[in-house]
Every structure is written in C-alpha cells, then in structure tokens.
C-alpha atoms as a PDB file:
ATOM      1  CA  MET A   1       7.016  72.290 -83.807  1.00  0.00           C
ATOM      2  CA  GLU A   2       7.202  72.399 -80.015  1.00  0.00           C
ATOM      3  CA  THR A   3       4.789  74.849 -78.449  1.00  0.00           C
ATOM      4  CA  VAL A   4       4.949  76.771 -75.209  1.00  0.00           C
ATOM      5  CA  GLU A   5       2.166  74.530 -73.889  1.00  0.00           C
ATOM      6  CA  SER A   6       4.072  71.337 -74.617  1.00  0.00           C
ATOM      7  CA  ARG A   7       7.105  72.755 -72.881  1.00  0.00           C
ATOM      8  CA  GLU A   8       4.984  73.552 -69.842  1.00  0.00           C
ATOM      9  CA  GLU A   9       3.464  70.045 -69.827  1.00  0.00           C
ATOM     10  CA  ARG A  10       6.895  68.477 -69.411  1.00  0.00           C
ATOM     11  CA  ARG A  11       7.971  71.305 -67.085  1.00  0.00           C
ATOM     12  CA  GLY A  12      10.225  72.308 -69.892  1.00  0.00           C
ATOM     13  CA  VAL A  13      13.755  72.765 -68.704  1.00  0.00           C
ATOM     14  CA  ALA A  14      15.972  74.558 -71.172  1.00  0.00           C
ATOM     15  CA  ALA A  15      19.020  72.597 -72.271  1.00  0.00           C
ATOM     16  CA  ILE A  16      22.181  73.805 -70.596  1.00  0.00           C
ATOM     17  CA  LEU A  17      24.459  75.898 -72.750  1.00  0.00           C
ATOM     18  CA  ASP A  18      27.557  74.519 -71.076  1.00  0.00           C
ATOM     19  CA  GLY A  19      30.095  77.302 -70.721  1.00  0.00           C
ATOM     20  CA  ALA A  20      32.158  75.330 -68.239  1.00  0.00           C
ATOM     21  CA  HIS A  21      32.604  72.462 -70.704  1.00  0.00           C
ATOM     22  CA  VAL A  22      33.551  74.791 -73.560  1.00  0.00           C
ATOM     23  CA  ALA A  23      35.968  76.651 -71.268  1.00  0.00           C
ATOM     24  CA  GLU A  24      37.719  73.352 -70.528  1.00  0.00           C
ATOM     25  CA  GLU A  25      38.028  72.711 -74.270  1.00  0.00           C
ATOM     26  CA  ILE A  26      39.578  76.148 -74.790  1.00  0.00           C
ATOM     27  CA  LYS A  27      41.981  75.632 -71.892  1.00  0.00           C
ATOM     28  CA  ARG A  28      43.111  72.298 -73.339  1.00  0.00           C
ATOM     29  CA  ASP A  29      43.827  74.091 -76.623  1.00  0.00           C
ATOM     30  CA  VAL A  30      45.766  76.772 -74.756  1.00  0.00           C
ATOM     31  CA  ALA A  31      47.824  74.188 -72.840  1.00  0.00           C
ATOM     32  CA  ARG A  32      48.807  72.509 -76.118  1.00  0.00           C
ATOM     33  CA  ASP A  33      49.786  75.867 -77.622  1.00  0.00           C
ATOM     34  CA  VAL A  34      51.866  76.751 -74.567  1.00  0.00           C
ATOM     35  CA  GLU A  35      53.665  73.404 -74.752  1.00  0.00           C
ATOM     36  CA  ALA A  36      54.380  73.979 -78.442  1.00  0.00           C
ATOM     37  CA  LEU A  37      55.736  77.486 -77.818  1.00  0.00           C
ATOM     38  CA  LYS A  38      58.031  76.175 -75.119  1.00  0.00           C
ATOM     39  CA  GLY A  39      59.236  73.184 -77.137  1.00  0.00           C
ATOM     40  CA  GLU A  40      59.651  74.851 -80.524  1.00  0.00           C
ATOM     41  CA  HIS A  41      60.702  78.376 -79.571  1.00  0.00           C
ATOM     42  CA  GLY A  42      61.704  78.310 -75.915  1.00  0.00           C
ATOM     43  CA  VAL A  43      58.932  80.811 -75.118  1.00  0.00           C
ATOM     44  CA  THR A  44      56.798  80.706 -71.984  1.00  0.00           C
ATOM     45  CA  PRO A  45      53.907  83.214 -72.245  1.00  0.00           C
ATOM     46  CA  CYS A  46      53.804  85.490 -69.202  1.00  0.00           C
ATOM     47  CA  LEU A  47      50.745  87.186 -67.709  1.00  0.00           C
ATOM     48  CA  VAL A  48      50.992  89.835 -64.993  1.00  0.00           C
ATOM     49  CA  VAL A  49      47.818  90.618 -63.044  1.00  0.00           C
ATOM     50  CA  VAL A  50      47.847  93.912 -61.141  1.00  0.00           C
ATOM     51  CA  ARG A  51      45.512  94.360 -58.176  1.00  0.00           C
ATOM     52  CA  VAL A  52      45.118  97.537 -56.134  1.00  0.00           C
ATOM     53  CA  GLY A  53      43.638  97.298 -52.649  1.00  0.00           C
ATOM     54  CA  GLU A  54      42.006  94.474 -50.738  1.00  0.00           C
ATOM     55  CA  ASP A  55      38.603  94.084 -52.378  1.00  0.00           C
ATOM     56  CA  PRO A  56      37.607  90.487 -51.487  1.00  0.00           C
ATOM     57  CA  ALA A  57      35.926  89.743 -54.829  1.00  0.00           C
ATOM     58  CA  SER A  58      38.934  91.065 -56.752  1.00  0.00           C
ATOM     59  CA  ALA A  59      41.241  88.895 -54.677  1.00  0.00           C
ATOM     60  CA  VAL A  60      39.203  85.811 -55.609  1.00  0.00           C
ATOM     61  CA  TYR A  61      39.144  86.724 -59.309  1.00  0.00           C
ATOM     62  CA  VAL A  62      42.878  87.399 -59.397  1.00  0.00           C
ATOM     63  CA  GLY A  63      43.625  84.165 -57.564  1.00  0.00           C
ATOM     64  CA  ASN A  64      41.568  82.231 -60.102  1.00  0.00           C
ATOM     65  CA  LYS A  65      43.398  83.826 -63.040  1.00  0.00           C
ATOM     66  CA  VAL A  66      46.833  83.216 -61.563  1.00  0.00           C
ATOM     67  CA  ARG A  67      45.970  79.617 -60.661  1.00  0.00           C
ATOM     68  CA  THR A  68      44.573  78.888 -64.136  1.00  0.00           C
ATOM     69  CA  SER A  69      47.666  80.379 -65.780  1.00  0.00           C
ATOM     70  CA  GLU A  70      49.917  78.074 -63.806  1.00  0.00           C
ATOM     71  CA  GLU A  71      47.735  75.041 -64.528  1.00  0.00           C
ATOM     72  CA  LEU A  72      48.053  75.667 -68.269  1.00  0.00           C
ATOM     73  CA  GLY A  73      51.819  76.176 -68.167  1.00  0.00           C
ATOM     74  CA  LEU A  74      51.932  79.946 -68.488  1.00  0.00           C
ATOM     75  CA  SER A  75      54.171  82.064 -66.308  1.00  0.00           C
ATOM     76  CA  SER A  76      51.960  84.149 -64.040  1.00  0.00           C
ATOM     77  CA  LYS A  77      52.767  86.995 -61.692  1.00  0.00           C
ATOM     78  CA  HIS A  78      50.518  88.837 -59.254  1.00  0.00           C
ATOM     79  CA  LEU A  79      51.453  92.434 -58.497  1.00  0.00           C
ATOM     80  CA  ALA A  80      49.499  93.441 -55.386  1.00  0.00           C
ATOM     81  CA  LEU A  81      49.548  97.163 -54.606  1.00  0.00           C
ATOM     82  CA  PRO A  82      48.184  98.841 -51.454  1.00  0.00           C
ATOM     83  CA  ALA A  83      44.798 100.559 -51.432  1.00  0.00           C
ATOM     84  CA  ASP A  84      46.413 104.000 -51.119  1.00  0.00           C
ATOM     85  CA  THR A  85      48.299 103.575 -54.402  1.00  0.00           C
ATOM     86  CA  THR A  86      48.027 106.736 -56.489  1.00  0.00           C
ATOM     87  CA  GLU A  87      47.090 106.866 -60.136  1.00  0.00           C
ATOM     88  CA  VAL A  88      50.597 108.130 -60.948  1.00  0.00           C
ATOM     89  CA  ARG A  89      52.209 105.161 -59.232  1.00  0.00           C
ATOM     90  CA  LEU A  90      49.867 102.655 -60.851  1.00  0.00           C
ATOM     91  CA  ILE A  91      50.513 104.049 -64.322  1.00  0.00           C
ATOM     92  CA  GLY A  92      54.223 103.976 -63.534  1.00  0.00           C
ATOM     93  CA  GLU A  93      53.974 100.279 -62.662  1.00  0.00           C
ATOM     94  CA  VAL A  94      52.094  99.602 -65.904  1.00  0.00           C
ATOM     95  CA  THR A  95      54.697 101.535 -67.903  1.00  0.00           C
ATOM     96  CA  GLY A  96      57.406  99.410 -66.347  1.00  0.00           C
ATOM     97  CA  LEU A  97      55.585  96.237 -67.321  1.00  0.00           C
ATOM     98  CA  ASN A  98      55.189  97.556 -70.867  1.00  0.00           C
ATOM     99  CA  ALA A  99      58.974  97.782 -71.142  1.00  0.00           C
ATOM    100  CA  ARG A 100      59.663  94.262 -69.930  1.00  0.00           C
ATOM    101  CA  GLU A 101      60.398  91.782 -72.703  1.00  0.00           C
ATOM    102  CA  ASP A 102      59.449  88.834 -70.505  1.00  0.00           C
ATOM    103  CA  VAL A 103      55.879  90.132 -69.984  1.00  0.00           C
ATOM    104  CA  ASP A 104      53.366  89.288 -72.721  1.00  0.00           C
ATOM    105  CA  GLY A 105      50.046  90.200 -71.096  1.00  0.00           C
ATOM    106  CA  ILE A 106      49.041  92.863 -68.579  1.00  0.00           C
ATOM    107  CA  LEU A 107      45.720  92.856 -66.771  1.00  0.00           C
ATOM    108  CA  VAL A 108      44.735  95.519 -64.242  1.00  0.00           C
ATOM    109  CA  GLN A 109      41.929  94.073 -62.117  1.00  0.00           C
ATOM    110  CA  LEU A 110      38.819  96.236 -61.905  1.00  0.00           C
ATOM    111  CA  PRO A 111      37.298  97.975 -60.072  1.00  0.00           C
ATOM    112  CA  LEU A 112      40.041 100.358 -58.987  1.00  0.00           C
ATOM    113  CA  PRO A 113      39.898 102.448 -55.810  1.00  0.00           C
ATOM    114  CA  LYS A 114      38.317 105.885 -55.926  1.00  0.00           C
ATOM    115  CA  GLY A 115      40.648 108.542 -57.246  1.00  0.00           C
ATOM    116  CA  ILE A 116      42.113 106.363 -59.989  1.00  0.00           C
ATOM    117  CA  ASP A 117      40.811 106.905 -63.519  1.00  0.00           C
ATOM    118  CA  GLU A 118      40.253 103.479 -65.094  1.00  0.00           C
ATOM    119  CA  ARG A 119      40.313 104.990 -68.579  1.00  0.00           C
ATOM    120  CA  ARG A 120      43.780 106.463 -68.104  1.00  0.00           C
ATOM    121  CA  VAL A 121      45.101 103.235 -66.681  1.00  0.00           C
ATOM    122  CA  ASN A 122      43.714 101.177 -69.563  1.00  0.00           C
ATOM    123  CA  GLU A 123      45.160 103.614 -72.082  1.00  0.00           C
ATOM    124  CA  ALA A 124      48.568 103.294 -70.415  1.00  0.00           C
ATOM    125  CA  ILE A 125      48.783  99.567 -71.214  1.00  0.00           C
ATOM    126  CA  ASP A 126      50.726  98.678 -74.353  1.00  0.00           C
ATOM    127  CA  PRO A 127      48.015  97.577 -76.845  1.00  0.00           C
ATOM    128  CA  SER A 128      50.151  94.566 -77.783  1.00  0.00           C
ATOM    129  CA  LYS A 129      49.942  93.414 -74.134  1.00  0.00           C
ATOM    130  CA  ASP A 130      46.313  94.433 -73.552  1.00  0.00           C
ATOM    131  CA  VAL A 131      44.948  90.922 -73.087  1.00  0.00           C
ATOM    132  CA  ASP A 132      41.734  92.298 -71.519  1.00  0.00           C
ATOM    133  CA  GLY A 133      40.960  94.063 -74.805  1.00  0.00           C
ATOM    134  CA  TYR A 134      40.040  97.417 -73.238  1.00  0.00           C
ATOM    135  CA  HIS A 135      42.587  99.695 -74.909  1.00  0.00           C
ATOM    136  CA  PRO A 136      40.961 102.118 -77.413  1.00  0.00           C
ATOM    137  CA  LEU A 137      43.250 100.841 -80.180  1.00  0.00           C
ATOM    138  CA  ASN A 138      42.040  97.271 -79.708  1.00  0.00           C
ATOM    139  CA  ILE A 139      38.431  98.401 -79.420  1.00  0.00           C
ATOM    140  CA  GLY A 140      38.751 100.368 -82.651  1.00  0.00           C
ATOM    141  CA  ARG A 141      40.367  97.504 -84.504  1.00  0.00           C
ATOM    142  CA  MET A 142      37.705  95.103 -83.262  1.00  0.00           C
ATOM    143  CA  THR A 143      34.974  97.468 -84.471  1.00  0.00           C
ATOM    144  CA  LEU A 144      36.588  97.528 -87.906  1.00  0.00           C
ATOM    145  CA  GLY A 145      36.869  93.743 -87.975  1.00  0.00           C
ATOM    146  CA  GLN A 146      40.659  93.851 -87.842  1.00  0.00           C
ATOM    147  CA  PRO A 147      42.897  91.563 -85.742  1.00  0.00           C
ATOM    148  CA  ALA A 148      42.648  92.770 -82.156  1.00  0.00           C
ATOM    149  CA  PHE A 149      42.405  91.635 -78.581  1.00  0.00           C
ATOM    150  CA  VAL A 150      38.699  91.351 -77.864  1.00  0.00           C
ATOM    151  CA  PRO A 151      37.228  91.720 -74.359  1.00  0.00           C
ATOM    152  CA  CYS A 152      37.268  88.233 -72.881  1.00  0.00           C
ATOM    153  CA  THR A 153      33.594  87.817 -71.962  1.00  0.00           C
ATOM    154  CA  PRO A 154      32.135  88.662 -75.406  1.00  0.00           C
ATOM    155  CA  ALA A 155      34.892  86.636 -77.080  1.00  0.00           C
ATOM    156  CA  GLY A 156      34.062  83.696 -74.833  1.00  0.00           C
ATOM    157  CA  ILE A 157      30.362  83.939 -75.633  1.00  0.00           C
ATOM    158  CA  MET A 158      31.109  83.829 -79.349  1.00  0.00           C
ATOM    159  CA  GLU A 159      33.231  80.718 -78.792  1.00  0.00           C
ATOM    160  CA  LEU A 160      30.407  79.175 -76.782  1.00  0.00           C
ATOM    161  CA  LEU A 161      27.848  79.793 -79.532  1.00  0.00           C
ATOM    162  CA  ALA A 162      30.174  78.426 -82.217  1.00  0.00           C
ATOM    163  CA  ARG A 163      31.250  75.311 -80.337  1.00  0.00           C
ATOM    164  CA  GLU A 164      27.710  74.530 -79.170  1.00  0.00           C
ATOM    165  CA  GLY A 165      26.375  74.747 -82.721  1.00  0.00           C
ATOM    166  CA  VAL A 166      24.235  77.870 -82.294  1.00  0.00           C
ATOM    167  CA  SER A 167      23.683  79.484 -85.672  1.00  0.00           C
ATOM    168  CA  VAL A 168      24.373  83.220 -85.549  1.00  0.00           C
ATOM    169  CA  ARG A 169      24.126  84.112 -89.213  1.00  0.00           C
ATOM    170  CA  GLY A 170      20.708  85.563 -89.948  1.00  0.00           C
ATOM    171  CA  ALA A 171      19.596  85.316 -86.308  1.00  0.00           C
ATOM    172  CA  HIS A 172      18.040  88.222 -84.445  1.00  0.00           C
ATOM    173  CA  ALA A 173      20.252  88.870 -81.425  1.00  0.00           C
ATOM    174  CA  VAL A 174      19.126  91.148 -78.607  1.00  0.00           C
ATOM    175  CA  ILE A 175      21.618  92.381 -76.028  1.00  0.00           C
ATOM    176  CA  VAL A 176      20.393  93.832 -72.758  1.00  0.00           C
ATOM    177  CA  GLY A 177      23.191  96.081 -71.513  1.00  0.00           C
ATOM    178  CA  ARG A 178      25.489  98.533 -73.264  1.00  0.00           C
ATOM    179  CA  SER A 179      28.702  98.436 -71.236  1.00  0.00           C
ATOM    180  CA  HIS A 180      32.090  98.771 -72.909  1.00  0.00           C
ATOM    181  CA  ILE A 181      33.099  95.458 -71.343  1.00  0.00           C
ATOM    182  CA  VAL A 182      30.241  93.269 -72.614  1.00  0.00           C
ATOM    183  CA  GLY A 183      27.272  94.875 -74.352  1.00  0.00           C
ATOM    184  CA  ARG A 184      28.898  97.036 -77.005  1.00  0.00           C
ATOM    185  CA  PRO A 185      31.661  94.620 -78.070  1.00  0.00           C
ATOM    186  CA  MET A 186      29.097  91.802 -78.036  1.00  0.00           C
ATOM    187  CA  ALA A 187      27.007  93.744 -80.549  1.00  0.00           C
ATOM    188  CA  GLN A 188      29.997  94.262 -82.829  1.00  0.00           C
ATOM    189  CA  LEU A 189      31.014  90.606 -82.768  1.00  0.00           C
ATOM    190  CA  LEU A 190      27.491  89.424 -83.533  1.00  0.00           C
ATOM    191  CA  LEU A 191      27.174  91.912 -86.393  1.00  0.00           C
ATOM    192  CA  GLN A 192      30.426  90.603 -87.854  1.00  0.00           C
ATOM    193  CA  ARG A 193      28.900  87.107 -87.832  1.00  0.00           C
ATOM    194  CA  ASP A 194      25.867  88.403 -89.794  1.00  0.00           C
ATOM    195  CA  ALA A 195      23.337  88.589 -86.975  1.00  0.00           C
ATOM    196  CA  THR A 196      20.744  91.350 -86.843  1.00  0.00           C
ATOM    197  CA  VAL A 197      21.435  93.074 -83.552  1.00  0.00           C
ATOM    198  CA  THR A 198      19.309  95.131 -81.164  1.00  0.00           C
ATOM    199  CA  VAL A 199      20.906  96.697 -78.083  1.00  0.00           C
ATOM    200  CA  CYS A 200      18.637  97.512 -75.136  1.00  0.00           C
ATOM    201  CA  HIS A 201      19.478  99.367 -71.940  1.00  0.00           C
ATOM    202  CA  SER A 202      18.009 101.090 -68.888  1.00  0.00           C
ATOM    203  CA  ARG A 203      16.245 103.710 -71.023  1.00  0.00           C
ATOM    204  CA  THR A 204      14.621 101.233 -73.416  1.00  0.00           C
ATOM    205  CA  PRO A 205      10.817 101.375 -73.114  1.00  0.00           C
ATOM    206  CA  ASP A 206       8.869  98.090 -73.107  1.00  0.00           C
ATOM    207  CA  LEU A 207      11.927  95.877 -72.843  1.00  0.00           C
ATOM    208  CA  ALA A 208       9.927  92.682 -73.320  1.00  0.00           C
ATOM    209  CA  ALA A 209       8.694  93.837 -76.728  1.00  0.00           C
ATOM    210  CA  HIS A 210      12.309  93.747 -77.925  1.00  0.00           C
ATOM    211  CA  THR A 211      13.605  90.694 -76.085  1.00  0.00           C
ATOM    212  CA  ARG A 212      10.661  88.501 -77.169  1.00  0.00           C
ATOM    213  CA  ARG A 213      11.884  88.855 -80.754  1.00  0.00           C
ATOM    214  CA  ALA A 214      15.353  87.482 -79.970  1.00  0.00           C
ATOM    215  CA  ASP A 215      16.618  84.187 -81.317  1.00  0.00           C
ATOM    216  CA  ILE A 216      19.717  84.860 -79.216  1.00  0.00           C
ATOM    217  CA  LEU A 217      19.291  86.886 -76.030  1.00  0.00           C
ATOM    218  CA  VAL A 218      22.357  88.121 -74.128  1.00  0.00           C
ATOM    219  CA  CYS A 219      21.727  89.694 -70.710  1.00  0.00           C
ATOM    220  CA  ALA A 220      24.459  91.762 -69.058  1.00  0.00           C
ATOM    221  CA  VAL A 221      23.062  94.452 -66.767  1.00  0.00           C
ATOM    222  CA  GLY A 222      23.737  93.313 -63.198  1.00  0.00           C
ATOM    223  CA  SER A 223      20.075  93.204 -62.158  1.00  0.00           C
ATOM    224  CA  PRO A 224      19.047  89.897 -60.540  1.00  0.00           C
ATOM    225  CA  GLY A 225      16.160  88.163 -62.258  1.00  0.00           C
ATOM    226  CA  LEU A 226      15.383  91.099 -64.551  1.00  0.00           C
ATOM    227  CA  ILE A 227      14.600  88.839 -67.505  1.00  0.00           C
ATOM    228  CA  ARG A 228      11.429  86.854 -66.791  1.00  0.00           C
ATOM    229  CA  GLY A 229       9.617  84.222 -68.812  1.00  0.00           C
ATOM    230  CA  GLU A 230       7.542  86.913 -70.535  1.00  0.00           C
ATOM    231  CA  HIS A 231      10.731  88.443 -71.966  1.00  0.00           C
ATOM    232  CA  VAL A 232      11.798  85.310 -73.845  1.00  0.00           C
ATOM    233  CA  LYS A 233      10.815  83.924 -77.213  1.00  0.00           C
ATOM    234  CA  PRO A 234       9.979  80.193 -76.989  1.00  0.00           C
ATOM    235  CA  GLY A 235      13.042  78.154 -77.909  1.00  0.00           C
ATOM    236  CA  ALA A 236      15.458  81.103 -77.773  1.00  0.00           C
ATOM    237  CA  VAL A 237      19.105  80.771 -76.807  1.00  0.00           C
ATOM    238  CA  VAL A 238      19.663  82.802 -73.634  1.00  0.00           C
ATOM    239  CA  VAL A 239      23.128  83.799 -72.421  1.00  0.00           C
ATOM    240  CA  ASP A 240      23.125  85.128 -68.867  1.00  0.00           C
ATOM    241  CA  VAL A 241      26.210  87.240 -68.115  1.00  0.00           C
ATOM    242  CA  GLY A 242      24.908  88.556 -64.785  1.00  0.00           C
ATOM    243  CA  MET A 243      26.556  87.594 -61.513  1.00  0.00           C
ATOM    244  CA  ASN A 244      24.581  88.857 -58.536  1.00  0.00           C
ATOM    245  CA  ARG A 245      24.430  87.870 -54.877  1.00  0.00           C
ATOM    246  CA  LEU A 246      21.074  86.707 -53.543  1.00  0.00           C
ATOM    247  CA  THR A 247      20.792  86.656 -49.735  1.00  0.00           C
ATOM    248  CA  GLY A 248      17.084  86.111 -49.029  1.00  0.00           C
ATOM    249  CA  GLU A 249      15.687  82.601 -48.641  1.00  0.00           C
ATOM    250  CA  GLU A 250      12.199  83.549 -49.820  1.00  0.00           C
ATOM    251  CA  GLN A 251      13.580  85.159 -52.941  1.00  0.00           C
ATOM    252  CA  ALA A 252      15.670  82.056 -53.541  1.00  0.00           C
ATOM    253  CA  ARG A 253      12.520  79.919 -53.401  1.00  0.00           C
ATOM    254  CA  GLU A 254      10.831  82.189 -55.928  1.00  0.00           C
ATOM    255  CA  PHE A 255      13.850  82.316 -58.251  1.00  0.00           C
ATOM    256  CA  PHE A 256      14.880  78.664 -58.229  1.00  0.00           C
ATOM    257  CA  GLY A 257      11.665  76.712 -57.679  1.00  0.00           C
ATOM    258  CA  GLU A 258      12.418  72.997 -57.290  1.00  0.00           C
ATOM    259  CA  ASP A 259      16.132  73.743 -57.117  1.00  0.00           C
ATOM    260  CA  SER A 260      15.710  76.167 -54.206  1.00  0.00           C
ATOM    261  CA  ALA A 261      16.633  73.738 -51.396  1.00  0.00           C
ATOM    262  CA  ARG A 262      20.229  73.531 -52.558  1.00  0.00           C
ATOM    263  CA  ARG A 263      20.395  77.288 -52.993  1.00  0.00           C
ATOM    264  CA  ILE A 264      18.923  77.966 -49.562  1.00  0.00           C
ATOM    265  CA  GLU A 265      21.496  75.652 -48.029  1.00  0.00           C
ATOM    266  CA  THR A 266      24.200  77.684 -49.777  1.00  0.00           C
ATOM    267  CA  ILE A 267      22.736  80.915 -48.390  1.00  0.00           C
ATOM    268  CA  ARG A 268      22.757  79.480 -44.879  1.00  0.00           C
ATOM    269  CA  LYS A 269      26.372  78.377 -45.218  1.00  0.00           C
ATOM    270  CA  ARG A 270      27.865  81.327 -47.143  1.00  0.00           C
ATOM    271  CA  GLY A 271      25.341  84.087 -46.620  1.00  0.00           C
ATOM    272  CA  PHE A 272      24.462  84.260 -50.323  1.00  0.00           C
ATOM    273  CA  THR A 273      23.957  82.329 -53.526  1.00  0.00           C
ATOM    274  CA  LEU A 274      24.643  83.529 -57.045  1.00  0.00           C
ATOM    275  CA  VAL A 275      21.972  84.428 -59.559  1.00  0.00           C
ATOM    276  CA  GLY A 276      22.213  86.021 -62.973  1.00  0.00           C
ATOM    277  CA  ASP A 277      20.151  88.647 -64.747  1.00  0.00           C
ATOM    278  CA  VAL A 278      17.749  85.916 -65.845  1.00  0.00           C
ATOM    279  CA  HIS A 279      14.963  84.548 -63.626  1.00  0.00           C
ATOM    280  CA  PRO A 280      16.069  80.902 -63.793  1.00  0.00           C
ATOM    281  CA  ALA A 281      12.807  79.106 -62.970  1.00  0.00           C
ATOM    282  CA  GLU A 282      10.670  81.112 -65.398  1.00  0.00           C
ATOM    283  CA  VAL A 283      13.113  81.423 -68.280  1.00  0.00           C
ATOM    284  CA  SER A 284      14.086  77.764 -68.177  1.00  0.00           C
ATOM    285  CA  ARG A 285      10.488  76.848 -69.003  1.00  0.00           C
ATOM    286  CA  VAL A 286      10.511  78.985 -72.146  1.00  0.00           C
ATOM    287  CA  ALA A 287      14.037  79.113 -73.543  1.00  0.00           C
ATOM    288  CA  GLY A 288      15.530  76.392 -75.680  1.00  0.00           C
ATOM    289  CA  ARG A 289      19.044  76.743 -74.251  1.00  0.00           C
ATOM    290  CA  LEU A 290      20.287  78.679 -71.242  1.00  0.00           C
ATOM    291  CA  THR A 291      23.635  79.297 -69.585  1.00  0.00           C
ATOM    292  CA  PRO A 292      23.669  78.489 -65.859  1.00  0.00           C
ATOM    293  CA  VAL A 293      24.832  80.867 -63.130  1.00  0.00           C
ATOM    294  CA  PRO A 294      27.395  80.112 -61.878  1.00  0.00           C
ATOM    295  CA  GLY A 295      29.283  77.923 -64.340  1.00  0.00           C
ATOM    296  CA  GLY A 296      28.136  79.482 -67.588  1.00  0.00           C
ATOM    297  CA  VAL A 297      29.912  82.568 -68.858  1.00  0.00           C
ATOM    298  CA  GLY A 298      32.402  83.061 -66.015  1.00  0.00           C
ATOM    299  CA  PRO A 299      34.728  80.154 -66.869  1.00  0.00           C
ATOM    300  CA  LEU A 300      34.787  81.282 -70.500  1.00  0.00           C
ATOM    301  CA  THR A 301      36.084  84.718 -69.534  1.00  0.00           C
ATOM    302  CA  VAL A 302      39.112  83.241 -67.777  1.00  0.00           C
ATOM    303  CA  ALA A 303      39.768  80.758 -70.594  1.00  0.00           C
ATOM    304  CA  MET A 304      39.762  83.534 -73.206  1.00  0.00           C
ATOM    305  CA  LEU A 305      42.169  85.575 -71.093  1.00  0.00           C
ATOM    306  CA  MET A 306      44.576  82.665 -71.235  1.00  0.00           C
ATOM    307  CA  ARG A 307      44.164  82.378 -74.999  1.00  0.00           C
ATOM    308  CA  ASN A 308      44.718  86.119 -75.462  1.00  0.00           C
ATOM    309  CA  THR A 309      47.958  85.873 -73.473  1.00  0.00           C
ATOM    310  CA  VAL A 310      49.266  83.090 -75.690  1.00  0.00           C
ATOM    311  CA  THR A 311      48.267  85.093 -78.781  1.00  0.00           C
ATOM    312  CA  ALA A 312      50.132  88.113 -77.399  1.00  0.00           C
ATOM    313  CA  ALA A 313      53.253  86.010 -76.866  1.00  0.00           C
ATOM    314  CA  ARG A 314      53.133  84.823 -80.479  1.00  0.00           C
ATOM    315  CA  ARG A 315      52.438  88.215 -82.029  1.00  0.00           C
ATOM    316  CA  ARG A 316      55.142  89.995 -80.074  1.00  0.00           C
ATOM    317  CA  ARG A 317      57.698  87.539 -81.442  1.00  0.00           C
ATOM    318  CA  GLY A 318      56.291  87.282 -84.950  1.00  0.00           C
ATOM    319  CA  LEU A 319      55.403  83.611 -84.524  1.00  0.00           C
END
C-alpha cells in the first residue's frame, strides 16, 4: 500500500479527476439525443436563460450556456432584463415563459439584484421546466429518490464519479458546505448511492477531524485554499467546487508551488487567477484524485443543464 511518505518522495501529484473530459462525453450524448428528437419527433428542445442586470460574471455564465446550447443543437434564447427590473415584472416574465409550449427549460441566472426574492422567483418557475432543479417540488422529489430535476452541479459530480470509476457505495463521503445549490443535494445523492455522509459547515468544530476520514471529499464553501493537506486522507478523492479569484502574486506562489509561474502570468494579464476551496499544492501531494480549478466541476454544471433541458423536452411530450 502506498504511504504518505512514498507519495512525498515522488512529489506525489494526485491524478486529475477530469471533469472537462466527462463534460464533453455528456455533451456528445446530449447532441445525439437532440438529433434523435429532431429526426424522430420534430422536436427541438428550447432553453431560455433570463438575466437581470449587468453583472459581468453573470454575463459570462449566460453567454457560455447559450453558446453551448447552440453547439449541441438546442434552441436557446437569452432574455436580458434591465437592472431596475422589479420582482413583479420578473415573475411576470417567468409566468409567460411557463405558458409557452415552445419553451422546455427556464433558467433565471443568479444572483439577482437586491430587492428581488430569489425564492419567490424560483417557486414561480413551472417545475416541469425547472432545469436548474431549484423548485421546492423538484427538491422534495429528489430527497425522496423520485424522478426530478436535480441541481446541475451535484448531478454533474455524481456523473463524474460514476464515469471515472469512483466507488461510492460503502464510502465515507464528507461534504464541506451546506448550500441548497450544492451541499445539501450532494448529500442526498450520495446517500442514495449508499455512501455514509457527513456534512460540515462554518460552525463545525475541528473540521480536519471530519475531513481526514473522507474517502470522498467534496468542498463547496467559497473560501480559497480552505482545505489544506492536513485535512485530507491519503489517497482520497477530492472534488473542489470552489471558484474564487486570487489576485496576489505571493499567494499564488504559495498556493500553486511549481505551477505558480503560469498563474502569476495570468494575474499580470487578467488581474486574477482562479483557485478553488482546496489548497492545490498541498492537497495534490496527499489526495489520490483531485478535480482541477478551473476545468473540473464547472464544465459539468453546464453539461448537466443541457441534459436536463433535453429531459424536460421529452417529459413534457411524453416521449
């Protein structure tokens, strides 16, 4: 059995858990399904992405979703609303999309401007078109193990584990983060695959005592480099959901070690580089497999959104 010392001797670098590769596999499956729906039933799945305001990050995310939809043969529409849009107007737009027979999936890009209640907006979306999986009806059905739209990031992680041959049944999975978007649905999905699940959060004392027991460690808290080498069981599978901006060159050197030159160049060109919730240099020397940031979980989220939209198109027509 490989020891921590032997990993250190070879400057152990965890094998990449390749989310980008798996996302491409999922997208190829989606493209085939879209082609079949068009050829056999004359149906082109349609996704509408609603964005309120001019948040730069949201604009990038929406552009990526719309572009991917078009690449895979889906019909995609972007409804851009001004920043001063009221909650009443936004819900009215969603209600109108609910009534349209040509719309299969509705996604309202988060975050929303202040003054708009995200919960009310999510609840206004027809559950049969809720391809983000945030509607309470879909959340409830998922919790009960019934057919439902599952939030895209947890669903993508489960696909990643399955397609990369990571055994979940009987494993001890620890999730750091309890959000409704990732942490809580992630726990439910892992439980349904017979993992033993521990959920940690900001109030958990001695975090490392819990995470060091994990065969599968999922980190989703939005805190750069929170998970250090001391938090990880040797050989564990580590899934880093975090996406944080790092702007300091010295911190980049500390985080990325031998890979820091490329990251520092990125900081000088763009003003930042991306880092997850995992300290990459330290954790890579301990973990068995690790998702990179960027290029790990992010592509999976978009791929699963596409798959959910195709599923919605089928279900709505009884196909």
